[in-house]
């Protein structure tokens, strides 16, 4: 397959780019009583191939290890070892691998959140990935601009479906501009190739007023909906602008007016498409409703919530969970008062919920936090910093016995943007600080620390910003 521009990649300044994935998957740990232990494999061994096929990552490994006869080739120091293995097709090797190398982004998107981060944060917060494997494994959106013919063919041969693709605009000139490229960047040809091979695709648009809105958004929705059901869905989310935009392209912020205009446009397409193809297909990010002041729509508007992990419909799911659990909640099960920390947008729906809890004898307080760390225009809870939360806690006239943080404000290790932890905050205010779950009732009654891995599992603020507000 000949993919336009696949060989011509612009390396981002200061960001090394993995041009291609080299064979070799290192073993981090050998599990007890496993096939690997029986074979005397060791941590540090590097698996190079299975049945003659190179092993570049865990996907390659699992794809090629399912046979009943496997030839495994690995490197141990200066030695190369070969094992001929007979096993049940579903028998696992029993190892934990080292983290795989990541394909980094070669775009300079005009709205890129990572370019708007303050300096001197931990390195992973500046990590710009655009890796099709993360798209398949974790639902991360990718642009498809950095893939070789071989990588496109791998998506097809290994059935890496569904894929999640950042389209932003189907007009090549508009898309090229948004991605920060020097010329037009086509996406429909790449989507059509994957579709022709049976790959399903979810798509995304980051809504940038004055660039890909209006007729450009109409065109994008129509082009992608024409490819339904192979293109399964389109999520539209608003861009986020921090106060750190020196020397970056000038962009128009999303306002209440633009949110209303975007929703009117999206709803019109939904009403048309539900009649034409039996699905609404295009879905608006929760922030559009919260920032516009319109009520969050009912579950029927989300067609089964295909994009809930992208923050589309998550507030509706949160509200519905509350309604379902509230009648069975017993006030006597909550022995302490609770403060619910949230961003400016989250206050809109948390405060009425808190009022209903208090009416049942459960003492709760809502504490909205102004984002000084990134700027007042950042209003989602997924981008709250520890220093801002601490400032709000210390200035609050009343705190509960227990402080509950939103689940998406920490990474998979339980750390906030500025390296604060819930434990650090608790020590500062002499209160128990915990991370909640995506169920308010569960967070209040359970009173247990949520395992950080339940969140997005990605130390990536742009993704985190489009989780639950």
Foldseek 3Di string as FASTA:
>chain_A
DDAPQQVPFAADPPADFDLDQAFWWFFQFADPPFQLVVVVDDGGKIWQDKPPHGHRDVLRVLLRQQDQWIWIWIDDPPDIDIDTHGHHSPGDRGTDIDDGDFGFDRFDFLLDVLLQADPDFDPQQNTGGQHQVCQLVQVDAHAPNNDDPVRLVVCLVSVSAAGEYEDQFQFQQLSCVRRHHPGGDHDVVSLVVCVVSPHAYEYEHADFPPRCDDPRVVRRQVSLLVVPPSDPAYEYEYGFAFPRQPPGDDTDHDALVNLVVRVVVLVVQQVVCCVVPVGSRYFYAPVSCLRNVHDDDEPVNCVVPPPQLLRTCLVNVQVVLCVVCVVVDQQVLFPKEEEEEWFPSVCVPVVVSQVVCVVNVHHYHYFHFQAPNGHRRQGGLLQHAPVRVLVSVVPDPDHMLEYEGELNQAAQVQAGRRRDHQVNSCVVNVHHYAYADSHPSCRRSVVDHDRNCVRSNRSYSVSSSSHHD
